[in-house]
Amino acid sequence: MTPSVKITVSERNGRDCASTGSARETAIGYSRAIRAGDFIAVTGTVGIEADGRYAPTMRGQTCRALEIIVAAIEALGGKTSDVVRTRIFVTDIQKWKEVGEVHGEFFDQIRPALTMVQIARLIDDAAMIEIEADAIVHSEPKEHI
């Protein structure tokens, strides 16, 4: 698991829920990620550091958001290679290449479906990017005897 991201997992309504401990998770009533069967959905994730600050660059925030997403997926028993779709919301679409390079570093051989759109703003004025991800956990094929 990504060591710089603290994730706790609990069970709610038959689903495993991953939490990063964000105050917004409790205030708004959501989980960072949930696993239902083989499906993992990761909520919109900004690139906030553990100390509450944001990197000053789109690249830094993209990397951090993806680190948090991967940590949540791993905490729920998935792997980066299980990611099938990402959605990226940016406040400056002109920086798409910077975002794309980081996304490619994480998902080069996986190549999930991707949507990237520009939005007016995010929940925190310092945030430049928010990323969602969906994963389907692939279990090893069972041997037939």
N, C-alpha and C. Protein backbone atom coordinates (compact mmCIF):
# COMPACT_ATOMS: atom_id res chain seq x y z
N MET A 1 0.83 -1.17 0.00
CA MET A 1 0.00 0.00 0.00
C MET A 1 0.88 1.24 0.00
N THR A 2 0.37 2.32 -0.53
CA THR A 2 1.10 3.57 -0.57
C THR A 2 1.32 4.04 0.87
N PRO A 3 2.60 4.12 1.32
CA PRO A 3 2.87 4.40 2.73
C PRO A 3 2.48 5.80 3.18
N SER A 4 2.42 6.77 2.30
CA SER A 4 2.10 8.13 2.71
C SER A 4 0.60 8.40 2.75
N VAL A 5 -0.22 7.36 2.57
CA VAL A 5 -1.66 7.51 2.61
C VAL A 5 -2.22 6.55 3.65
N LYS A 6 -2.90 7.09 4.65
CA LYS A 6 -3.49 6.26 5.70
C LYS A 6 -4.93 5.95 5.33
N ILE A 7 -5.24 4.67 5.22
CA ILE A 7 -6.58 4.22 4.86
C ILE A 7 -7.09 3.27 5.94
N THR A 8 -8.32 3.46 6.35
CA THR A 8 -8.97 2.49 7.23
C THR A 8 -10.16 1.91 6.48
N VAL A 9 -10.42 0.63 6.74
CA VAL A 9 -11.51 -0.07 6.06
C VAL A 9 -12.51 -0.55 7.10
N SER A 10 -13.78 -0.34 6.80
CA SER A 10 -14.86 -0.84 7.66
C SER A 10 -15.96 -1.40 6.77
N GLU A 11 -16.85 -2.17 7.39
CA GLU A 11 -17.95 -2.76 6.64
C GLU A 11 -19.23 -1.99 6.96
N ARG A 12 -19.96 -1.62 5.91
CA ARG A 12 -21.25 -0.93 6.07
C ARG A 12 -22.22 -1.50 5.04
N ASN A 13 -23.34 -1.98 5.52
CA ASN A 13 -24.39 -2.48 4.63
C ASN A 13 -23.90 -3.52 3.64
N GLY A 14 -23.02 -4.40 4.09
CA GLY A 14 -22.52 -5.46 3.23
C GLY A 14 -21.45 -5.03 2.25
N ARG A 15 -20.95 -3.81 2.40
CA ARG A 15 -19.89 -3.31 1.51
C ARG A 15 -18.69 -2.94 2.36
N ASP A 16 -17.51 -3.10 1.80
CA ASP A 16 -16.29 -2.62 2.45
C ASP A 16 -16.10 -1.17 2.04
N CYS A 17 -15.86 -0.32 3.03
CA CYS A 17 -15.70 1.11 2.79
C CYS A 17 -14.32 1.56 3.24
N ALA A 18 -13.63 2.27 2.38
CA ALA A 18 -12.31 2.80 2.70
C ALA A 18 -12.43 4.28 3.05
N SER A 19 -11.69 4.70 4.07
CA SER A 19 -11.71 6.08 4.52
C SER A 19 -10.29 6.61 4.65
N THR A 20 -10.09 7.87 4.27
CA THR A 20 -8.81 8.53 4.50
C THR A 20 -8.85 9.39 5.76
N GLY A 21 -10.02 9.43 6.41
CA GLY A 21 -10.16 10.23 7.62
C GLY A 21 -10.45 11.70 7.36
N SER A 22 -10.75 12.03 6.13
CA SER A 22 -11.09 13.42 5.79
C SER A 22 -12.33 13.85 6.56
N ALA A 23 -12.31 15.07 7.09
CA ALA A 23 -13.46 15.61 7.81
C ALA A 23 -14.69 15.67 6.90
N ARG A 24 -14.47 15.88 5.62
CA ARG A 24 -15.59 15.95 4.68
C ARG A 24 -16.31 14.62 4.54
N GLU A 25 -15.59 13.51 4.70
CA GLU A 25 -16.24 12.20 4.59
C GLU A 25 -17.39 12.09 5.59
N THR A 26 -17.14 12.50 6.83
CA THR A 26 -18.16 12.43 7.87
C THR A 26 -19.21 13.52 7.67
N ALA A 27 -18.77 14.74 7.39
CA ALA A 27 -19.69 15.87 7.26
C ALA A 27 -20.68 15.69 6.11
N ILE A 28 -20.21 15.13 5.01
CA ILE A 28 -21.06 14.97 3.83
C ILE A 28 -21.69 13.59 3.78
N GLY A 29 -21.06 12.60 4.41
CA GLY A 29 -21.61 11.26 4.45
C GLY A 29 -21.22 10.40 3.26
N TYR A 30 -19.93 10.29 3.00
CA TYR A 30 -19.46 9.44 1.91
C TYR A 30 -18.21 8.69 2.34
N SER A 31 -17.82 7.73 1.52
CA SER A 31 -16.58 6.99 1.74
C SER A 31 -15.62 7.34 0.62
N ARG A 32 -14.33 7.30 0.91
CA ARG A 32 -13.31 7.53 -0.12
C ARG A 32 -13.50 6.52 -1.25
N ALA A 33 -13.76 5.27 -0.86
CA ALA A 33 -14.00 4.22 -1.85
C ALA A 33 -14.87 3.15 -1.23
N ILE A 34 -15.62 2.45 -2.06
CA ILE A 34 -16.38 1.31 -1.59
C ILE A 34 -16.12 0.13 -2.51
N ARG A 35 -16.22 -1.06 -1.90
CA ARG A 35 -16.14 -2.29 -2.68
C ARG A 35 -17.44 -3.05 -2.48
N ALA A 36 -18.10 -3.34 -3.58
CA ALA A 36 -19.31 -4.16 -3.59
C ALA A 36 -19.03 -5.32 -4.53
N GLY A 37 -18.85 -6.50 -3.99
CA GLY A 37 -18.46 -7.64 -4.82
C GLY A 37 -17.08 -7.40 -5.39
N ASP A 38 -16.96 -7.49 -6.70
CA ASP A 38 -15.68 -7.28 -7.37
C ASP A 38 -15.49 -5.84 -7.86
N PHE A 39 -16.48 -4.97 -7.59
CA PHE A 39 -16.45 -3.59 -8.09
C PHE A 39 -15.98 -2.64 -7.00
N ILE A 40 -15.02 -1.77 -7.34
CA ILE A 40 -14.55 -0.72 -6.43
C ILE A 40 -14.80 0.62 -7.11
N ALA A 41 -15.46 1.52 -6.39
CA ALA A 41 -15.68 2.89 -6.86
C ALA A 41 -14.94 3.83 -5.92
N VAL A 42 -14.11 4.70 -6.50
CA VAL A 42 -13.37 5.68 -5.71
C VAL A 42 -13.96 7.05 -6.01
N THR A 43 -14.34 7.73 -4.95
CA THR A 43 -14.96 9.04 -5.08
C THR A 43 -13.98 10.07 -5.64
N GLY A 44 -14.50 11.22 -6.02
CA GLY A 44 -13.64 12.30 -6.49
C GLY A 44 -12.59 12.62 -5.43
N THR A 45 -11.34 12.61 -5.86
CA THR A 45 -10.21 12.74 -4.95
C THR A 45 -9.31 13.88 -5.40
N VAL A 46 -9.12 14.85 -4.53
CA VAL A 46 -8.21 15.96 -4.83
C VAL A 46 -6.81 15.58 -4.36
N GLY A 47 -5.84 16.32 -4.82
CA GLY A 47 -4.44 16.01 -4.50
C GLY A 47 -3.94 16.70 -3.26
N ILE A 48 -4.62 16.52 -2.15
CA ILE A 48 -4.23 17.16 -0.89
C ILE A 48 -3.20 16.29 -0.17
N GLU A 49 -2.20 16.93 0.37
CA GLU A 49 -1.16 16.22 1.11
C GLU A 49 -1.66 15.90 2.53
N ALA A 50 -0.97 15.02 3.21
CA ALA A 50 -1.36 14.61 4.57
C ALA A 50 -1.39 15.80 5.53
N ASP A 51 -0.57 16.82 5.27
CA ASP A 51 -0.54 17.99 6.15
C ASP A 51 -1.59 19.04 5.79
N GLY A 52 -2.46 18.73 4.82
CA GLY A 52 -3.53 19.64 4.44
C GLY A 52 -3.18 20.66 3.37
N ARG A 53 -1.93 20.63 2.92
CA ARG A 53 -1.52 21.57 1.88
C ARG A 53 -1.64 20.92 0.51
N TYR A 54 -1.58 21.76 -0.52
CA TYR A 54 -1.61 21.30 -1.90
C TYR A 54 -0.29 21.62 -2.57
N ALA A 55 0.16 20.72 -3.42
CA ALA A 55 1.34 21.01 -4.23
C ALA A 55 1.01 22.22 -5.10
N PRO A 56 2.02 23.02 -5.45
CA PRO A 56 1.75 24.22 -6.24
C PRO A 56 1.55 23.95 -7.74
N THR A 57 1.77 22.71 -8.17
CA THR A 57 1.66 22.39 -9.59
C THR A 57 0.56 21.38 -9.86
N MET A 58 0.03 21.42 -11.07
CA MET A 58 -0.97 20.45 -11.50
C MET A 58 -0.37 19.04 -11.45
N ARG A 59 0.89 18.92 -11.85
CA ARG A 59 1.56 17.61 -11.83
C ARG A 59 1.60 17.05 -10.41
N GLY A 60 2.01 17.86 -9.45
CA GLY A 60 2.10 17.42 -8.07
C GLY A 60 0.75 17.01 -7.50
N GLN A 61 -0.28 17.79 -7.79
CA GLN A 61 -1.62 17.47 -7.30
C GLN A 61 -2.18 16.21 -7.97
N THR A 62 -1.88 16.03 -9.26
CA THR A 62 -2.33 14.84 -9.96
C THR A 62 -1.68 13.60 -9.37
N CYS A 63 -0.39 13.66 -9.14
CA CYS A 63 0.34 12.53 -8.56
C CYS A 63 -0.23 12.18 -7.20
N ARG A 64 -0.47 13.17 -6.36
CA ARG A 64 -0.98 12.91 -5.02
C ARG A 64 -2.39 12.32 -5.07
N ALA A 65 -3.26 12.85 -5.92
CA ALA A 65 -4.61 12.32 -6.03
C ALA A 65 -4.57 10.85 -6.45
N LEU A 66 -3.72 10.52 -7.41
CA LEU A 66 -3.62 9.13 -7.85
C LEU A 66 -3.00 8.23 -6.78
N GLU A 67 -2.08 8.75 -5.99
CA GLU A 67 -1.53 7.97 -4.87
C GLU A 67 -2.64 7.60 -3.88
N ILE A 68 -3.51 8.56 -3.58
CA ILE A 68 -4.62 8.32 -2.66
C ILE A 68 -5.58 7.29 -3.25
N ILE A 69 -5.88 7.43 -4.53
CA ILE A 69 -6.79 6.50 -5.21
C ILE A 69 -6.22 5.08 -5.19
N VAL A 70 -4.97 4.94 -5.55
CA VAL A 70 -4.34 3.61 -5.57
C VAL A 70 -4.32 3.01 -4.16
N ALA A 71 -4.02 3.81 -3.16
CA ALA A 71 -4.00 3.31 -1.78
C ALA A 71 -5.39 2.81 -1.37
N ALA A 72 -6.43 3.53 -1.75
CA ALA A 72 -7.80 3.11 -1.41
C ALA A 72 -8.15 1.80 -2.12
N ILE A 73 -7.80 1.70 -3.38
CA ILE A 73 -8.07 0.46 -4.13
C ILE A 73 -7.32 -0.71 -3.51
N GLU A 74 -6.06 -0.51 -3.17
CA GLU A 74 -5.27 -1.58 -2.55
C GLU A 74 -5.83 -1.97 -1.18
N ALA A 75 -6.29 -1.00 -0.41
CA ALA A 75 -6.86 -1.29 0.91
C ALA A 75 -8.11 -2.15 0.80
N LEU A 76 -8.79 -2.06 -0.34
CA LEU A 76 -10.00 -2.85 -0.57
C LEU A 76 -9.71 -4.14 -1.34
N GLY A 77 -8.44 -4.50 -1.46
CA GLY A 77 -8.07 -5.77 -2.09
C GLY A 77 -7.85 -5.72 -3.58
N GLY A 78 -7.83 -4.52 -4.16
CA GLY A 78 -7.60 -4.39 -5.59
C GLY A 78 -6.17 -4.01 -5.91
N LYS A 79 -5.90 -3.86 -7.19
CA LYS A 79 -4.58 -3.45 -7.67
C LYS A 79 -4.76 -2.35 -8.72
N THR A 80 -3.71 -1.64 -8.99
CA THR A 80 -3.76 -0.61 -10.03
C THR A 80 -4.24 -1.21 -11.34
N SER A 81 -3.82 -2.43 -11.63
CA SER A 81 -4.21 -3.07 -12.90
C SER A 81 -5.70 -3.39 -12.97
N ASP A 82 -6.44 -3.26 -11.87
CA ASP A 82 -7.88 -3.50 -11.87
C ASP A 82 -8.67 -2.26 -12.30
N VAL A 83 -8.03 -1.10 -12.41
CA VAL A 83 -8.72 0.13 -12.77
C VAL A 83 -9.20 0.05 -14.22
N VAL A 84 -10.51 0.31 -14.42
CA VAL A 84 -11.09 0.25 -15.76
C VAL A 84 -11.53 1.62 -16.27
N ARG A 85 -11.68 2.59 -15.36
CA ARG A 85 -12.14 3.92 -15.79
C ARG A 85 -11.66 4.97 -14.81
N THR A 86 -11.23 6.12 -15.35
CA THR A 86 -10.93 7.29 -14.54
C THR A 86 -11.66 8.49 -15.13
N ARG A 87 -12.05 9.41 -14.24
CA ARG A 87 -12.66 10.66 -14.66
C ARG A 87 -11.87 11.77 -13.99
N ILE A 88 -11.44 12.73 -14.78
CA ILE A 88 -10.57 13.79 -14.27
C ILE A 88 -11.23 15.14 -14.52
N PHE A 89 -11.32 15.92 -13.46
CA PHE A 89 -11.89 17.26 -13.51
C PHE A 89 -10.76 18.24 -13.21
N VAL A 90 -10.49 19.15 -14.12
CA VAL A 90 -9.40 20.11 -13.94
C VAL A 90 -9.93 21.53 -14.03
N THR A 91 -9.24 22.44 -13.37
CA THR A 91 -9.64 23.85 -13.43
C THR A 91 -8.95 24.58 -14.57
N ASP A 92 -8.00 23.93 -15.24
CA ASP A 92 -7.31 24.53 -16.38
C ASP A 92 -7.00 23.43 -17.40
N ILE A 93 -7.85 23.29 -18.41
CA ILE A 93 -7.69 22.21 -19.39
C ILE A 93 -6.42 22.39 -20.22
N GLN A 94 -5.85 23.58 -20.24
CA GLN A 94 -4.60 23.78 -20.97
C GLN A 94 -3.46 22.96 -20.37
N LYS A 95 -3.64 22.49 -19.15
CA LYS A 95 -2.61 21.67 -18.51
C LYS A 95 -2.90 20.18 -18.68
N TRP A 96 -3.70 19.83 -19.69
CA TRP A 96 -4.08 18.44 -19.92
C TRP A 96 -2.87 17.54 -20.12
N LYS A 97 -1.85 18.05 -20.79
CA LYS A 97 -0.68 17.22 -21.07
C LYS A 97 0.07 16.86 -19.78
N GLU A 98 0.19 17.83 -18.88
CA GLU A 98 0.83 17.60 -17.58
C GLU A 98 0.07 16.52 -16.80
N VAL A 99 -1.25 16.63 -16.79
CA VAL A 99 -2.10 15.64 -16.13
C VAL A 99 -1.96 14.29 -16.82
N GLY A 100 -2.02 14.30 -18.14
CA GLY A 100 -1.93 13.07 -18.91
C GLY A 100 -0.62 12.33 -18.71
N GLU A 101 0.48 13.05 -18.58
CA GLU A 101 1.77 12.40 -18.35
C GLU A 101 1.77 11.64 -17.03
N VAL A 102 1.22 12.25 -15.98
CA VAL A 102 1.17 11.57 -14.68
C VAL A 102 0.22 10.38 -14.76
N HIS A 103 -0.94 10.57 -15.37
CA HIS A 103 -1.90 9.47 -15.53
C HIS A 103 -1.23 8.31 -16.26
N GLY A 104 -0.47 8.62 -17.29
CA GLY A 104 0.24 7.60 -18.05
C GLY A 104 1.29 6.87 -17.21
N GLU A 105 1.94 7.58 -16.30
CA GLU A 105 2.92 6.94 -15.42
C GLU A 105 2.26 5.90 -14.52
N PHE A 106 1.06 6.19 -14.08
CA PHE A 106 0.33 5.25 -13.21
C PHE A 106 -0.33 4.12 -14.00
N PHE A 107 -0.80 4.43 -15.22
CA PHE A 107 -1.66 3.49 -15.94
C PHE A 107 -1.17 3.14 -17.35
N ASP A 108 0.10 3.31 -17.63
CA ASP A 108 0.64 3.12 -18.98
C ASP A 108 0.21 1.81 -19.63
N GLN A 109 0.42 0.70 -18.98
CA GLN A 109 0.10 -0.60 -19.56
C GLN A 109 -1.36 -0.99 -19.38
N ILE A 110 -2.07 -0.29 -18.50
CA ILE A 110 -3.46 -0.63 -18.18
C ILE A 110 -4.42 0.07 -19.14
N ARG A 111 -4.17 1.32 -19.36
CA ARG A 111 -4.96 2.16 -20.25
C ARG A 111 -6.47 2.10 -20.00
N PRO A 112 -6.90 2.54 -18.82
CA PRO A 112 -8.34 2.55 -18.54
C PRO A 112 -9.06 3.58 -19.41
N ALA A 113 -10.37 3.43 -19.51
CA ALA A 113 -11.17 4.47 -20.16
C ALA A 113 -10.98 5.75 -19.36
N LEU A 114 -10.95 6.89 -20.05
CA LEU A 114 -10.63 8.16 -19.39
C LEU A 114 -11.50 9.28 -19.92
N THR A 115 -11.97 10.11 -19.02
CA THR A 115 -12.64 11.35 -19.37
C THR A 115 -11.92 12.46 -18.63
N MET A 116 -11.63 13.57 -19.34
CA MET A 116 -11.03 14.74 -18.70
C MET A 116 -11.80 15.96 -19.15
N VAL A 117 -12.30 16.73 -18.19
CA VAL A 117 -13.07 17.92 -18.50
C VAL A 117 -12.62 19.08 -17.62
N GLN A 118 -12.82 20.29 -18.13
CA GLN A 118 -12.53 21.48 -17.33
C GLN A 118 -13.80 21.90 -16.60
N ILE A 119 -13.62 22.28 -15.34
CA ILE A 119 -14.72 22.80 -14.54
C ILE A 119 -14.32 24.16 -13.98
N ALA A 120 -15.29 24.91 -13.50
CA ALA A 120 -15.02 26.26 -13.01
C ALA A 120 -14.18 26.27 -11.74
N ARG A 121 -14.51 25.38 -10.80
CA ARG A 121 -13.75 25.32 -9.56
C ARG A 121 -14.06 24.03 -8.82
N LEU A 122 -13.24 23.77 -7.80
CA LEU A 122 -13.41 22.58 -6.97
C LEU A 122 -13.76 23.01 -5.55
N ILE A 123 -13.95 22.04 -4.66
CA ILE A 123 -14.42 22.30 -3.30
C ILE A 123 -13.45 23.18 -2.49
N ASP A 124 -12.18 23.14 -2.84
CA ASP A 124 -11.16 23.94 -2.17
C ASP A 124 -10.49 24.80 -3.24
N ASP A 125 -10.36 26.09 -2.99
CA ASP A 125 -9.77 26.99 -3.99
C ASP A 125 -8.36 26.62 -4.40
N ALA A 126 -7.62 25.94 -3.52
CA ALA A 126 -6.24 25.56 -3.84
C ALA A 126 -6.17 24.30 -4.72
N ALA A 127 -7.29 23.58 -4.81
CA ALA A 127 -7.31 22.34 -5.61
C ALA A 127 -7.45 22.67 -7.09
N MET A 128 -6.61 22.03 -7.90
CA MET A 128 -6.63 22.21 -9.35
C MET A 128 -7.19 21.01 -10.09
N ILE A 129 -7.32 19.87 -9.38
CA ILE A 129 -7.71 18.63 -10.02
C ILE A 129 -8.49 17.75 -9.05
N GLU A 130 -9.43 16.99 -9.59
CA GLU A 130 -10.15 15.98 -8.83
C GLU A 130 -10.29 14.77 -9.75
N ILE A 131 -10.04 13.59 -9.20
CA ILE A 131 -10.05 12.36 -10.01
C ILE A 131 -10.94 11.31 -9.36
N GLU A 132 -11.74 10.63 -10.17
CA GLU A 132 -12.53 9.49 -9.74
C GLU A 132 -11.98 8.25 -10.45
N ALA A 133 -12.20 7.09 -9.86
CA ALA A 133 -11.76 5.85 -10.51
C ALA A 133 -12.72 4.71 -10.19
N ASP A 134 -12.86 3.81 -11.15
CA ASP A 134 -13.61 2.58 -10.97
C ASP A 134 -12.67 1.42 -11.26
N ALA A 135 -12.81 0.36 -10.48
CA ALA A 135 -11.97 -0.83 -10.68
C ALA A 135 -12.83 -2.08 -10.56
N ILE A 136 -12.45 -3.09 -11.28
CA ILE A 136 -13.07 -4.40 -11.17
C ILE A 136 -11.94 -5.35 -10.77
N VAL A 137 -12.09 -5.94 -9.59
CA VAL A 137 -11.05 -6.81 -9.06
C VAL A 137 -11.10 -8.13 -9.80
N HIS A 138 -9.99 -8.46 -10.41
CA HIS A 138 -9.88 -9.71 -11.16
C HIS A 138 -9.27 -10.77 -10.26
N SER A 139 -10.06 -11.78 -9.97
CA SER A 139 -9.52 -12.87 -9.16
C SER A 139 -8.84 -13.88 -10.08
N GLU A 140 -7.94 -14.59 -9.49
CA GLU A 140 -7.22 -15.62 -10.25
C GLU A 140 -8.18 -16.71 -10.66
N PRO A 141 -8.07 -17.20 -11.89
CA PRO A 141 -8.97 -18.27 -12.32
C PRO A 141 -8.81 -19.49 -11.44
N LYS A 142 -9.93 -20.11 -11.13
CA LYS A 142 -9.90 -21.33 -10.30
C LYS A 142 -9.53 -22.52 -11.17
N GLU A 143 -8.74 -23.39 -10.57
CA GLU A 143 -8.36 -24.61 -11.28
C GLU A 143 -9.48 -25.60 -11.18
N HIS A 144 -9.79 -26.25 -12.28
CA HIS A 144 -10.81 -27.30 -12.29
C HIS A 144 -10.12 -28.63 -12.08
N ILE A 145 -10.66 -29.38 -11.17
CA ILE A 145 -10.06 -30.69 -10.87
C ILE A 145 -10.84 -31.79 -11.55
